[in-house]
N, C-alpha and C. Protein backbone atom coordinates (compact mmCIF):
# COMPACT_ATOMS: atom_id res chain seq x y z
N UNK A 1 -14.21 3.48 0.69
CA UNK A 1 -13.01 4.17 0.76
C UNK A 1 -12.52 3.13 1.75
N UNK A 2 -11.07 2.64 1.94
CA UNK A 2 -10.62 2.62 2.94
C UNK A 2 -10.30 3.34 3.94
N UNK A 3 -9.94 3.02 5.15
CA UNK A 3 -9.70 4.24 5.70
C UNK A 3 -7.88 4.19 6.45
N UNK A 4 -7.55 5.32 5.81
CA UNK A 4 -6.02 5.81 6.08
C UNK A 4 -6.19 5.32 7.69
N UNK A 5 -4.73 4.77 8.27
CA UNK A 5 -3.98 4.25 9.48
C UNK A 5 -3.01 4.57 9.09
N UNK A 6 -2.15 5.85 10.33
CA UNK A 6 -0.94 5.44 10.70
C UNK A 6 -0.25 4.63 11.27
N UNK A 7 0.64 4.45 10.27
CA UNK A 7 1.74 3.14 11.03
C UNK A 7 2.46 3.36 12.49
N UNK A 8 2.84 1.96 12.50
CA UNK A 8 3.79 2.28 13.53
C UNK A 8 5.40 1.47 14.14
N UNK A 9 6.13 2.58 13.49
CA UNK A 9 8.08 1.96 14.01
C UNK A 9 8.08 2.24 15.09
N UNK A 10 8.71 0.66 15.70
CA UNK A 10 9.41 0.29 16.28
C UNK A 10 10.86 0.53 16.04
N UNK A 11 12.09 0.13 17.34
CA UNK A 11 13.35 0.06 16.57
C UNK A 11 13.67 -1.90 17.74
N UNK A 12 14.24 -2.50 16.83
CA UNK A 12 14.84 -3.78 17.09
C UNK A 12 16.13 -4.72 17.40
N UNK A 13 16.51 -4.46 18.22
CA UNK A 13 17.91 -5.07 17.48
C UNK A 13 17.94 -6.02 16.76
N UNK A 14 18.97 -6.52 15.86
CA UNK A 14 19.38 -6.81 14.35
C UNK A 14 20.52 -7.83 14.44
N UNK A 15 20.26 -8.96 13.56
CA UNK A 15 21.67 -9.94 13.50
C UNK A 15 23.34 -9.39 13.63
N UNK A 16 23.81 -8.32 13.81
CA UNK A 16 24.77 -8.22 14.29
C UNK A 16 24.60 -7.30 14.69
N UNK A 17 25.46 -7.28 15.63
CA UNK A 17 25.89 -6.32 17.30
C UNK A 17 26.20 -5.19 16.89
N UNK A 18 25.06 -4.37 17.65
CA UNK A 18 25.74 -2.93 16.95
C UNK A 18 24.65 -1.99 15.89
N UNK A 19 24.24 -2.91 15.40
CA UNK A 19 23.24 -2.57 14.29
C UNK A 19 21.29 -2.63 14.90
N UNK A 20 20.88 -1.81 14.13
CA UNK A 20 19.24 -2.64 14.47
C UNK A 20 18.41 -1.84 13.19
N UNK A 21 17.53 -2.74 13.25
CA UNK A 21 16.10 -2.16 11.79
C UNK A 21 14.79 -2.14 12.90
N UNK A 22 14.91 -1.38 11.63
CA UNK A 22 12.90 -0.62 12.44
C UNK A 22 11.86 -1.94 12.44
N UNK A 23 11.51 -2.39 13.15
CA UNK A 23 9.69 -2.68 13.04
C UNK A 23 8.52 -2.18 11.94
N UNK A 24 8.44 -2.22 10.94
CA UNK A 24 7.48 -1.41 10.14
C UNK A 24 6.27 -2.58 10.08
N UNK A 25 4.98 -2.33 11.06
CA UNK A 25 3.52 -3.41 10.45
C UNK A 25 3.08 -2.34 9.81
N UNK A 26 3.17 -1.70 9.14
CA UNK A 26 1.52 -0.65 8.28
C UNK A 26 0.23 -0.72 8.16
N UNK A 27 -0.01 -0.23 8.81
CA UNK A 27 -1.64 -0.45 9.10
C UNK A 27 -2.17 0.03 7.98
N UNK A 28 -1.39 0.97 7.36
CA UNK A 28 -2.17 1.00 6.16
C UNK A 28 -3.20 0.41 5.22
N UNK A 29 -4.59 0.22 4.82
CA UNK A 29 -4.98 -0.28 3.86
C UNK A 29 -5.96 0.48 2.45
N UNK A 30 -4.77 1.89 2.25
CA UNK A 30 -5.44 2.61 1.14
C UNK A 30 -4.56 2.14 -0.20
N UNK A 31 -4.11 1.20 -0.19
CA UNK A 31 -3.35 0.58 -1.50
C UNK A 31 -4.32 0.85 -2.46
N UNK A 32 -5.36 -0.93 -2.11
CA UNK A 32 -6.33 -0.29 -3.44
C UNK A 32 -6.83 0.99 -3.67
N UNK A 33 -6.90 1.43 -2.70
CA UNK A 33 -7.86 2.93 -3.52
C UNK A 33 -6.53 3.66 -4.04
N UNK A 34 -5.41 2.87 -3.95
CA UNK A 34 -4.39 4.69 -4.67
C UNK A 34 -4.25 3.75 -5.81
N UNK A 35 -3.83 2.13 -6.27
CA UNK A 35 -3.99 2.25 -7.20
C UNK A 35 -5.44 1.48 -8.44
N UNK A 36 -6.42 1.18 -7.96
CA UNK A 36 -7.27 0.78 -8.50
C UNK A 36 -8.01 2.49 -9.82
N UNK A 37 -7.86 3.36 -8.90
CA UNK A 37 -8.35 4.10 -10.24
C UNK A 37 -6.73 4.64 -11.32
N UNK A 38 -6.18 4.57 -10.66
CA UNK A 38 -5.34 4.97 -12.27
C UNK A 38 -4.90 3.63 -12.95
N UNK A 39 -5.65 2.39 -12.65
CA UNK A 39 -5.72 1.60 -13.28
C UNK A 39 -6.07 1.52 -14.22
N UNK A 40 -7.18 2.28 -14.18
CA UNK A 40 -8.68 2.00 -14.85
C UNK A 40 -10.16 1.77 -14.47
N UNK A 41 -9.85 0.67 -12.76
CA UNK A 41 -10.94 0.45 -12.36
C UNK A 41 -11.01 -0.75 -12.83
N UNK A 42 -9.99 -2.02 -13.10
CA UNK A 42 -9.90 -3.05 -13.72
C UNK A 42 -11.26 -4.04 -13.23
N UNK A 43 -11.22 -5.09 -13.41
CA UNK A 43 -12.36 -6.10 -12.73
C UNK A 43 -11.34 -7.03 -12.24
N UNK A 44 -10.74 -7.17 -11.14
CA UNK A 44 -10.02 -7.68 -10.45
C UNK A 44 -10.06 -9.06 -9.83
N UNK A 45 -11.01 -9.40 -11.02
CA UNK A 45 -11.56 -11.12 -10.13
C UNK A 45 -10.71 -12.11 -11.28
N UNK A 46 -10.42 -13.31 -9.91
CA UNK A 46 -9.57 -14.03 -11.20
C UNK A 46 -7.97 -13.55 -11.57
N UNK A 47 -7.36 -12.45 -11.36
CA UNK A 47 -6.84 -11.66 -11.65
C UNK A 47 -5.49 -11.72 -10.46
N UNK A 48 -4.31 -12.49 -10.78
CA UNK A 48 -2.78 -12.51 -9.98
C UNK A 48 -2.34 -11.20 -9.72
N UNK A 49 -2.11 -11.23 -8.37
CA UNK A 49 -1.21 -9.61 -8.22
C UNK A 49 -0.24 -9.85 -7.04
N UNK A 50 0.91 -9.39 -7.29
CA UNK A 50 2.30 -9.40 -6.70
C UNK A 50 2.07 -8.48 -6.31
N UNK A 51 2.01 -8.00 -4.72
CA UNK A 51 2.50 -6.87 -3.82
C UNK A 51 3.88 -7.04 -3.78
N UNK A 52 4.41 -6.04 -4.71
CA UNK A 52 6.13 -6.07 -4.40
C UNK A 52 6.36 -5.12 -2.97
N UNK A 53 6.74 -5.59 -1.74
CA UNK A 53 7.04 -4.84 -0.71
C UNK A 53 5.94 -4.33 -0.14
N UNK A 54 4.88 -5.60 -0.15
CA UNK A 54 3.62 -5.41 -0.05
C UNK A 54 3.28 -5.50 1.83
N UNK A 55 4.29 -5.89 2.92
CA UNK A 55 4.21 -5.27 4.41
C UNK A 55 3.32 -6.60 4.75
N UNK A 56 2.75 -6.03 5.18
CA UNK A 56 1.70 -6.70 6.22
C UNK A 56 0.20 -7.06 5.01
N UNK A 57 0.21 -6.88 3.67
CA UNK A 57 -1.00 -7.26 3.13
C UNK A 57 -1.96 -6.32 2.60
N UNK A 58 -1.31 -4.65 3.11
CA UNK A 58 -2.41 -3.91 3.03
C UNK A 58 -3.40 -3.93 2.24
N UNK A 59 -2.70 -3.88 0.58
CA UNK A 59 -3.45 -3.78 -0.41
C UNK A 59 -4.84 -4.63 -0.40
N UNK A 60 -4.17 -6.13 0.11
CA UNK A 60 -5.37 -7.21 -0.19
C UNK A 60 -6.16 -6.31 1.34
N UNK A 61 -6.36 -6.33 2.50
CA UNK A 61 -7.06 -5.73 3.58
C UNK A 61 -7.80 -4.88 2.78
N UNK A 62 -7.59 -3.89 1.90
CA UNK A 62 -8.39 -2.88 1.35
C UNK A 62 -9.20 -2.44 0.74
N UNK A 63 -8.79 -3.98 -0.27
CA UNK A 63 -9.68 -4.59 -1.64
C UNK A 63 -11.22 -4.94 -1.61
N UNK A 64 -11.69 -5.13 -2.44
CA UNK A 64 -12.88 -5.85 -2.42
C UNK A 64 -12.61 -7.22 -2.39
N UNK A 65 -14.11 -7.76 -2.16
CA UNK A 65 -14.12 -9.42 -2.00
C UNK A 65 -14.02 -9.86 -3.44
N UNK A 66 -13.92 -9.32 -4.35
CA UNK A 66 -13.40 -10.05 -5.49
C UNK A 66 -12.40 -10.20 -5.49
N UNK A 67 -11.33 -9.48 -5.04
CA UNK A 67 -9.91 -10.09 -5.57
C UNK A 67 -9.69 -11.45 -4.59
N UNK A 68 -9.96 -12.56 -4.72
CA UNK A 68 -9.38 -13.87 -4.06
C UNK A 68 -8.02 -13.96 -3.44
N UNK A 69 -8.35 -14.42 -2.02
CA UNK A 69 -6.83 -14.30 -1.39
C UNK A 69 -5.95 -14.98 -1.87
N UNK A 70 -6.50 -16.00 -2.49
CA UNK A 70 -5.30 -17.08 -2.79
C UNK A 70 -4.45 -16.83 -4.50
N UNK A 71 -5.08 -15.33 -4.89
CA UNK A 71 -4.56 -15.06 -6.09
C UNK A 71 -3.41 -13.59 -5.51
N UNK A 72 -3.48 -13.47 -4.48
CA UNK A 72 -2.33 -12.58 -4.17
C UNK A 72 -1.60 -13.05 -3.79
N UNK A 73 -0.08 -12.63 -4.01
CA UNK A 73 1.63 -12.72 -3.58
C UNK A 73 1.60 -11.11 -2.93
N UNK A 74 2.38 -11.41 -2.07
CA UNK A 74 2.72 -10.26 -1.00
C UNK A 74 4.47 -11.13 -0.90
N UNK A 75 5.26 -10.11 -1.69
CA UNK A 75 7.14 -9.99 -1.26
C UNK A 75 7.51 -9.08 -0.46
N UNK A 76 8.21 -9.48 -0.21
CA UNK A 76 8.46 -8.23 1.11
C UNK A 76 10.14 -8.83 2.26
N UNK A 77 10.46 -7.66 2.36
CA UNK A 77 12.21 -8.33 3.18
C UNK A 77 12.21 -7.96 4.58
N UNK A 78 10.48 -8.06 5.28
CA UNK A 78 10.39 -7.56 6.23
C UNK A 78 10.20 -8.62 6.91
N UNK A 79 11.05 -9.58 7.72
CA UNK A 79 10.04 -10.95 7.97
C UNK A 79 8.70 -10.84 9.33
N UNK A 80 9.13 -9.62 10.48
CA UNK A 80 7.89 -9.33 11.33
C UNK A 80 6.50 -9.04 10.30
N UNK A 81 6.58 -8.35 9.28
CA UNK A 81 5.83 -7.57 8.39
C UNK A 81 4.86 -9.32 7.96
N UNK A 82 5.44 -9.48 7.64
CA UNK A 82 5.17 -11.03 6.35
C UNK A 82 4.15 -12.02 7.37
N UNK A 83 4.73 -12.21 8.87
CA UNK A 83 4.78 -12.93 9.96
C UNK A 83 3.01 -12.64 10.14
N UNK A 84 2.21 -11.46 10.38
CA UNK A 84 1.69 -10.88 10.85
C UNK A 84 0.53 -11.04 9.52
N UNK A 85 1.12 -10.62 8.42
CA UNK A 85 0.05 -11.26 6.65
C UNK A 85 -0.04 -12.59 7.26
N UNK A 86 0.71 -13.38 7.31
CA UNK A 86 0.11 -14.57 6.97
C UNK A 86 -0.52 -15.17 7.85
N UNK A 87 -0.86 -14.45 9.45
CA UNK A 87 -1.90 -14.65 10.37
C UNK A 87 -3.00 -13.94 9.87
N UNK A 88 -2.91 -12.97 9.19
CA UNK A 88 -4.07 -12.52 9.03
C UNK A 88 -5.17 -12.76 7.62
N UNK A 89 -4.22 -13.44 6.64
CA UNK A 89 -4.61 -13.11 5.39
C UNK A 89 -3.65 -14.94 5.32
N UNK A 90 -3.99 -16.00 5.48
CA UNK A 90 -3.86 -17.71 5.41
C UNK A 90 -3.45 -17.67 4.27
N UNK A 91 -4.63 -17.48 3.13
CA UNK A 91 -4.78 -18.05 1.95
C UNK A 91 -4.14 -17.31 1.26
N UNK A 92 -3.80 -16.36 1.80
CA UNK A 92 -2.42 -15.59 0.26
C UNK A 92 -1.46 -15.56 0.49
N UNK A 93 -0.95 -15.67 -0.28
CA UNK A 93 0.51 -16.08 -0.49
C UNK A 93 1.81 -15.29 0.11
N UNK A 94 2.57 -15.30 1.45
CA UNK A 94 3.79 -14.41 1.70
C UNK A 94 4.74 -14.71 1.50
N UNK A 95 5.81 -14.13 0.48
CA UNK A 95 7.15 -14.74 0.60
C UNK A 95 7.82 -13.91 1.14
N UNK A 96 9.14 -14.19 1.46
CA UNK A 96 10.20 -13.65 2.06
C UNK A 96 11.49 -13.01 0.92
N UNK A 97 11.59 -11.48 1.13
CA UNK A 97 12.96 -11.56 0.20
C UNK A 97 14.53 -11.44 0.95
N UNK A 98 15.16 -12.07 1.06
CA UNK A 98 16.20 -11.50 1.94
C UNK A 98 17.44 -10.73 1.17
N UNK A 99 16.98 -9.54 0.77
CA UNK A 99 17.64 -8.73 -0.31
C UNK A 99 17.80 -8.02 1.05
N UNK A 100 19.49 -7.62 1.38
CA UNK A 100 20.07 -6.28 2.19
C UNK A 100 18.82 -4.76 1.95
N UNK A 101 18.70 -4.21 3.34
CA UNK A 101 18.23 -3.02 3.46
C UNK A 101 18.72 -2.58 5.08
N UNK A 102 19.55 -1.30 4.85
CA UNK A 102 19.85 -0.85 6.20
C UNK A 102 18.61 -0.51 7.27
N UNK A 103 17.69 -0.15 6.79
CA UNK A 103 16.69 -0.30 7.78
C UNK A 103 15.85 -1.58 8.42
N UNK A 104 15.41 -2.20 7.25
CA UNK A 104 14.42 -2.83 7.13
C UNK A 104 15.05 -4.79 7.39
N UNK A 105 16.67 -4.55 6.42
CA UNK A 105 16.84 -6.26 6.66
C UNK A 105 18.12 -6.19 6.76
N UNK A 106 18.67 -5.41 7.83
CA UNK A 106 20.33 -5.36 8.08
C UNK A 106 21.68 -6.78 7.72
N UNK A 107 21.02 -7.97 7.74
CA UNK A 107 21.44 -9.05 7.38
C UNK A 107 21.18 -9.46 6.34
N UNK A 108 20.49 -9.06 5.09
CA UNK A 108 19.80 -9.49 3.77
C UNK A 108 21.31 -9.52 2.86
N UNK A 109 21.08 -9.78 1.63
CA UNK A 109 22.08 -10.24 0.44
C UNK A 109 22.13 -9.11 -0.36
N UNK A 110 23.16 -8.28 -0.61
CA UNK A 110 22.86 -7.18 -0.87
C UNK A 110 23.08 -7.44 -2.44
N UNK A 111 22.08 -6.62 -3.36
CA UNK A 111 21.74 -7.23 -4.92
C UNK A 111 21.23 -8.49 -5.16
N UNK A 112 20.46 -9.22 -4.51
CA UNK A 112 19.92 -10.66 -4.73
C UNK A 112 18.80 -9.98 -5.70
N UNK A 113 18.81 -11.49 -6.32
CA UNK A 113 17.35 -11.25 -7.32
C UNK A 113 16.05 -11.61 -6.61
N UNK A 114 15.25 -10.63 -7.65
CA UNK A 114 13.71 -11.04 -6.51
C UNK A 114 13.26 -12.61 -6.55
N UNK A 115 12.91 -13.06 -5.90
CA UNK A 115 12.65 -14.71 -6.06
C UNK A 115 11.53 -15.18 -6.92
N UNK A 116 11.78 -16.17 -7.48
CA UNK A 116 10.79 -16.61 -8.48
C UNK A 116 9.73 -17.10 -8.22
N UNK A 117 8.25 -16.41 -8.32
CA UNK A 117 7.31 -17.12 -7.50
C UNK A 117 6.90 -17.90 -8.61
N UNK A 118 7.26 -18.60 -9.47
CA UNK A 118 6.98 -19.71 -10.72
C UNK A 118 5.37 -19.29 -11.43
N UNK A 119 5.38 -17.45 -11.84
CA UNK A 119 4.00 -17.32 -11.92
C UNK A 119 4.43 -15.94 -12.48
N UNK A 120 3.40 -15.91 -13.36
CA UNK A 120 3.19 -14.74 -14.23
C UNK A 120 1.71 -13.79 -13.59
N UNK A 121 1.95 -12.30 -13.44
CA UNK A 121 1.26 -12.15 -12.92
C UNK A 121 0.25 -10.97 -13.67
N UNK A 122 -0.93 -10.69 -13.29
CA UNK A 122 -1.91 -9.69 -14.46
C UNK A 122 -1.29 -8.44 -13.48
N UNK A 123 -1.19 -8.31 -12.45
CA UNK A 123 -0.89 -6.85 -11.93
C UNK A 123 0.37 -6.72 -10.89
N UNK A 124 1.23 -6.28 -11.17
CA UNK A 124 2.54 -6.35 -10.12
C UNK A 124 2.49 -4.56 -9.68
N UNK A 125 2.33 -4.37 -7.80
CA UNK A 125 2.17 -3.23 -7.36
C UNK A 125 3.10 -2.96 -6.47
N UNK A 126 3.48 -2.08 -6.33
CA UNK A 126 4.89 -1.63 -5.60
C UNK A 126 4.15 -0.06 -5.19
N UNK A 127 3.57 -0.35 -3.76
CA UNK A 127 3.50 1.08 -3.36
C UNK A 127 4.52 1.45 -2.04
N UNK A 128 5.32 2.11 -2.68
CA UNK A 128 6.19 3.85 -1.67
C UNK A 128 7.62 2.65 -1.64
N UNK A 129 7.82 1.63 -2.55
CA UNK A 129 9.32 1.08 -2.28
C UNK A 129 10.53 1.54 -2.52
N UNK A 130 10.17 1.99 -4.03
CA UNK A 130 11.59 3.06 -4.17
C UNK A 130 11.37 4.09 -3.89
N UNK A 131 10.72 4.44 -2.97
CA UNK A 131 10.97 5.82 -2.08
C UNK A 131 12.57 5.09 -1.14
N UNK A 132 12.21 3.68 -1.03
CA UNK A 132 13.82 3.14 0.02
C UNK A 132 14.89 3.10 -0.84
N UNK A 133 15.06 3.31 -2.00
CA UNK A 133 15.72 2.32 -3.10
C UNK A 133 16.97 3.53 -3.76
N UNK A 134 17.95 2.89 -4.62
CA UNK A 134 18.33 4.08 -5.25
C UNK A 134 17.61 4.33 -6.33
N UNK A 135 18.27 4.57 -7.50
CA UNK A 135 17.98 4.67 -8.98
C UNK A 135 18.16 3.47 -9.79
N UNK A 136 19.65 3.05 -9.28
CA UNK A 136 20.23 1.96 -9.74
C UNK A 136 19.26 0.68 -9.23
N UNK A 137 19.04 0.71 -7.99
CA UNK A 137 18.74 -0.58 -7.92
C UNK A 137 16.65 -1.03 -8.34
N UNK A 138 16.40 0.47 -8.07
CA UNK A 138 14.67 0.30 -9.42
C UNK A 138 14.91 0.11 -10.29
N UNK A 139 15.81 0.26 -11.14
CA UNK A 139 15.53 -0.04 -12.36
C UNK A 139 15.92 -1.96 -12.59
N UNK A 140 16.58 -1.37 -11.87
CA UNK A 140 16.95 -3.22 -11.66
C UNK A 140 15.77 -3.79 -11.43
N UNK A 141 15.25 -3.51 -10.25
CA UNK A 141 14.45 -4.71 -9.42
C UNK A 141 12.85 -4.07 -10.79
N UNK A 142 12.82 -3.55 -10.83
CA UNK A 142 11.53 -3.14 -12.12
C UNK A 142 12.36 -4.02 -13.30
N UNK A 143 13.25 -3.73 -13.57
CA UNK A 143 13.08 -5.15 -14.82
C UNK A 143 13.20 -6.61 -14.81
N UNK A 144 13.37 -6.72 -13.67
CA UNK A 144 13.17 -8.06 -12.93
C UNK A 144 11.77 -8.34 -12.81
N UNK A 145 10.95 -7.58 -12.28
CA UNK A 145 9.29 -7.40 -11.95
C UNK A 145 8.76 -7.60 -13.08
N UNK A 146 9.49 -6.71 -14.60
CA UNK A 146 8.71 -6.78 -15.55
C UNK A 146 8.69 -7.91 -16.40
N UNK A 147 10.00 -9.11 -16.44
CA UNK A 147 9.74 -10.36 -16.04
C UNK A 147 9.21 -11.05 -16.00
N UNK A 148 8.17 -10.64 -14.78
CA UNK A 148 6.73 -11.29 -14.19
C UNK A 148 6.06 -11.23 -14.45
N UNK A 149 5.66 -10.24 -15.63
CA UNK A 149 4.61 -9.84 -15.56
C UNK A 149 4.10 -10.65 -17.02
N UNK A 150 2.26 -10.70 -16.32
CA UNK A 150 1.85 -11.41 -17.98
C UNK A 150 1.50 -10.60 -19.16
N UNK A 151 1.66 -11.15 -20.77
CA UNK A 151 0.97 -10.33 -21.61
C UNK A 151 -0.41 -9.39 -21.57
N UNK A 152 -0.40 -8.27 -22.11
CA UNK A 152 -1.24 -7.11 -21.54
C UNK A 152 -1.20 -6.93 -20.19
N UNK A 153 -0.11 -7.50 -18.72
CA UNK A 153 -1.16 -7.16 -17.59
C UNK A 153 -0.08 -5.67 -17.23
N UNK A 154 -0.31 -5.02 -16.45
CA UNK A 154 0.27 -3.89 -15.65
C UNK A 154 1.34 -4.10 -14.51
N UNK A 155 2.50 -3.12 -13.79
CA UNK A 155 3.56 -2.74 -13.63
C UNK A 155 2.84 -1.40 -13.19
N UNK A 156 2.30 -1.13 -11.58
CA UNK A 156 2.64 0.23 -11.21
C UNK A 156 3.13 0.04 -9.58
N UNK A 157 3.75 1.39 -9.39
CA UNK A 157 4.20 2.26 -8.92
C UNK A 157 4.61 3.10 -8.23
N UNK A 158 4.71 3.46 -7.23
CA UNK A 158 4.16 4.92 -6.41
C UNK A 158 5.95 5.52 -5.48
N UNK A 159 6.36 6.34 -5.52
CA UNK A 159 7.59 7.05 -5.10
C UNK A 159 7.09 7.85 -4.75
N UNK A 160 8.22 8.99 -3.44
CA UNK A 160 8.12 10.01 -2.96
C UNK A 160 8.76 10.43 -3.92
N UNK A 161 8.58 12.48 -4.79
CA UNK A 161 9.32 13.13 -5.21
C UNK A 161 9.71 13.92 -3.90
N UNK A 162 10.82 14.15 -4.06
CA UNK A 162 11.42 14.91 -2.76
C UNK A 162 11.21 16.27 -2.97
N UNK A 163 10.75 17.39 -4.11
CA UNK A 163 10.43 18.46 -5.17
C UNK A 163 8.92 18.81 -4.98
N UNK A 164 7.75 17.64 -4.59
CA UNK A 164 6.41 17.80 -4.67
C UNK A 164 6.31 18.77 -3.77
N UNK A 165 5.61 19.78 -3.72
CA UNK A 165 4.86 20.67 -2.67
C UNK A 165 2.80 19.82 -2.27
N UNK A 166 2.88 19.91 -2.33
CA UNK A 166 1.18 19.80 -2.25
C UNK A 166 0.44 21.12 -1.57
N UNK A 167 1.02 21.67 -1.18
CA UNK A 167 0.68 23.08 -0.68
C UNK A 167 0.12 23.85 -2.02
N UNK A 168 1.29 23.32 -2.95
CA UNK A 168 1.25 24.23 -4.04
C UNK A 168 0.92 23.63 -5.71
N UNK A 169 -0.18 22.33 -5.03
CA UNK A 169 -0.90 21.54 -6.20
C UNK A 169 -1.88 22.09 -6.27
N UNK A 170 -2.73 22.83 -7.68
CA UNK A 170 -4.52 23.10 -7.53
C UNK A 170 -5.18 21.86 -7.07
N UNK A 171 -4.70 20.58 -7.77
CA UNK A 171 -5.34 19.46 -7.76
C UNK A 171 -5.59 18.75 -6.19
N UNK A 172 -4.96 19.29 -5.16
CA UNK A 172 -4.98 18.97 -4.12
C UNK A 172 -5.65 19.04 -3.49
N UNK A 173 -6.44 18.46 -2.29
CA UNK A 173 -7.64 18.93 -1.49
C UNK A 173 -7.27 19.36 -0.16
N UNK A 174 -6.95 20.54 0.06
CA UNK A 174 -6.01 21.19 1.49
C UNK A 174 -6.92 20.51 2.54
N UNK A 175 -8.21 20.91 2.31
CA UNK A 175 -9.43 21.06 2.80
C UNK A 175 -9.31 19.12 3.75
N UNK A 176 -8.73 18.58 3.76
CA UNK A 176 -8.52 17.21 4.13
C UNK A 176 -7.34 16.94 3.98
N UNK A 177 -6.18 17.47 4.15
CA UNK A 177 -4.97 17.53 4.60
C UNK A 177 -4.51 17.59 5.56
N UNK A 178 -3.52 17.33 6.14
CA UNK A 178 -2.48 17.34 7.51
C UNK A 178 -2.22 18.95 7.90
N UNK A 179 -1.83 18.89 8.88
CA UNK A 179 -1.29 20.23 9.39
C UNK A 179 0.03 20.44 8.96
N UNK A 180 0.56 19.35 8.51
CA UNK A 180 2.11 19.09 7.82
C UNK A 180 2.38 19.33 6.51
N UNK A 181 0.95 19.40 5.70
CA UNK A 181 1.08 19.91 4.40
C UNK A 181 1.37 21.15 4.35
N UNK A 182 1.54 22.31 5.45
CA UNK A 182 1.80 23.58 5.15
C UNK A 182 3.46 23.72 5.34
N UNK A 183 4.36 22.07 5.45
CA UNK A 183 5.46 22.24 5.60
C UNK A 183 6.33 22.35 4.64
N UNK A 184 6.06 22.18 3.20
CA UNK A 184 6.29 22.58 2.51
C UNK A 184 6.40 21.51 1.28
N UNK A 185 7.88 21.02 0.79
CA UNK A 185 7.87 20.03 -0.20
C UNK A 185 8.06 18.54 0.48
N UNK A 186 8.10 17.68 -0.27
CA UNK A 186 8.10 16.09 0.75
C UNK A 186 10.01 16.01 1.67
N UNK A 187 10.73 16.56 0.66
CA UNK A 187 11.98 16.81 1.07
C UNK A 187 11.94 17.31 2.30
N UNK A 188 11.46 19.05 2.51
CA UNK A 188 11.30 19.28 3.41
C UNK A 188 10.52 18.57 4.72
N UNK A 189 9.07 17.93 4.55
CA UNK A 189 8.63 17.44 5.34
C UNK A 189 9.72 16.39 6.77
N UNK A 190 10.40 15.56 5.41
CA UNK A 190 10.77 13.88 5.64
C UNK A 190 12.24 14.67 6.26
N UNK A 191 12.86 16.07 6.27
CA UNK A 191 13.98 16.54 7.39
C UNK A 191 13.39 17.11 8.25
N UNK A 192 12.16 17.82 8.60
CA UNK A 192 11.79 18.16 9.56
C UNK A 192 10.83 17.19 10.79
N UNK A 193 10.63 16.19 9.92
CA UNK A 193 10.32 14.73 10.46
C UNK A 193 11.22 14.21 11.24
């Protein structure tokens, strides 16, 4: 099981005067575990994987050796994360997506289509990407990603439900929870943070 690590967030100047972007280089390596069980513990060997919004490649960093680095594509709109990923995983593919985002790519292009990678994928994964988009953007992007999926492939994504309260969920292991869990819903947690 991968070790959960907290991410570091810093503020850096962006391209336009008066705007700032967050540098978000994720230290998380739990993405593989997050998708593996819900997808039925598939045989990942020889499968092409698109990690949409994959940051530094945390999915691949936490994955077993059966996943070949050359079969992994990471698309992200945050250049510093992609640069870190390329350094750590030189055989994997890291692709910049110059789409506008107010925090991570304030000089990007609004509603830019997902880049054509010239590949079809067995698995397309998006870990907490749609937590940062509107419903319209999510639908648009999911439609585009669906067109990149091989027949019989799987598209899986996570997002934060603002009303979810883990303290009220009998399936949630409260013995492993941070103190923060007692704050209430995801929305309340984000507001207090």
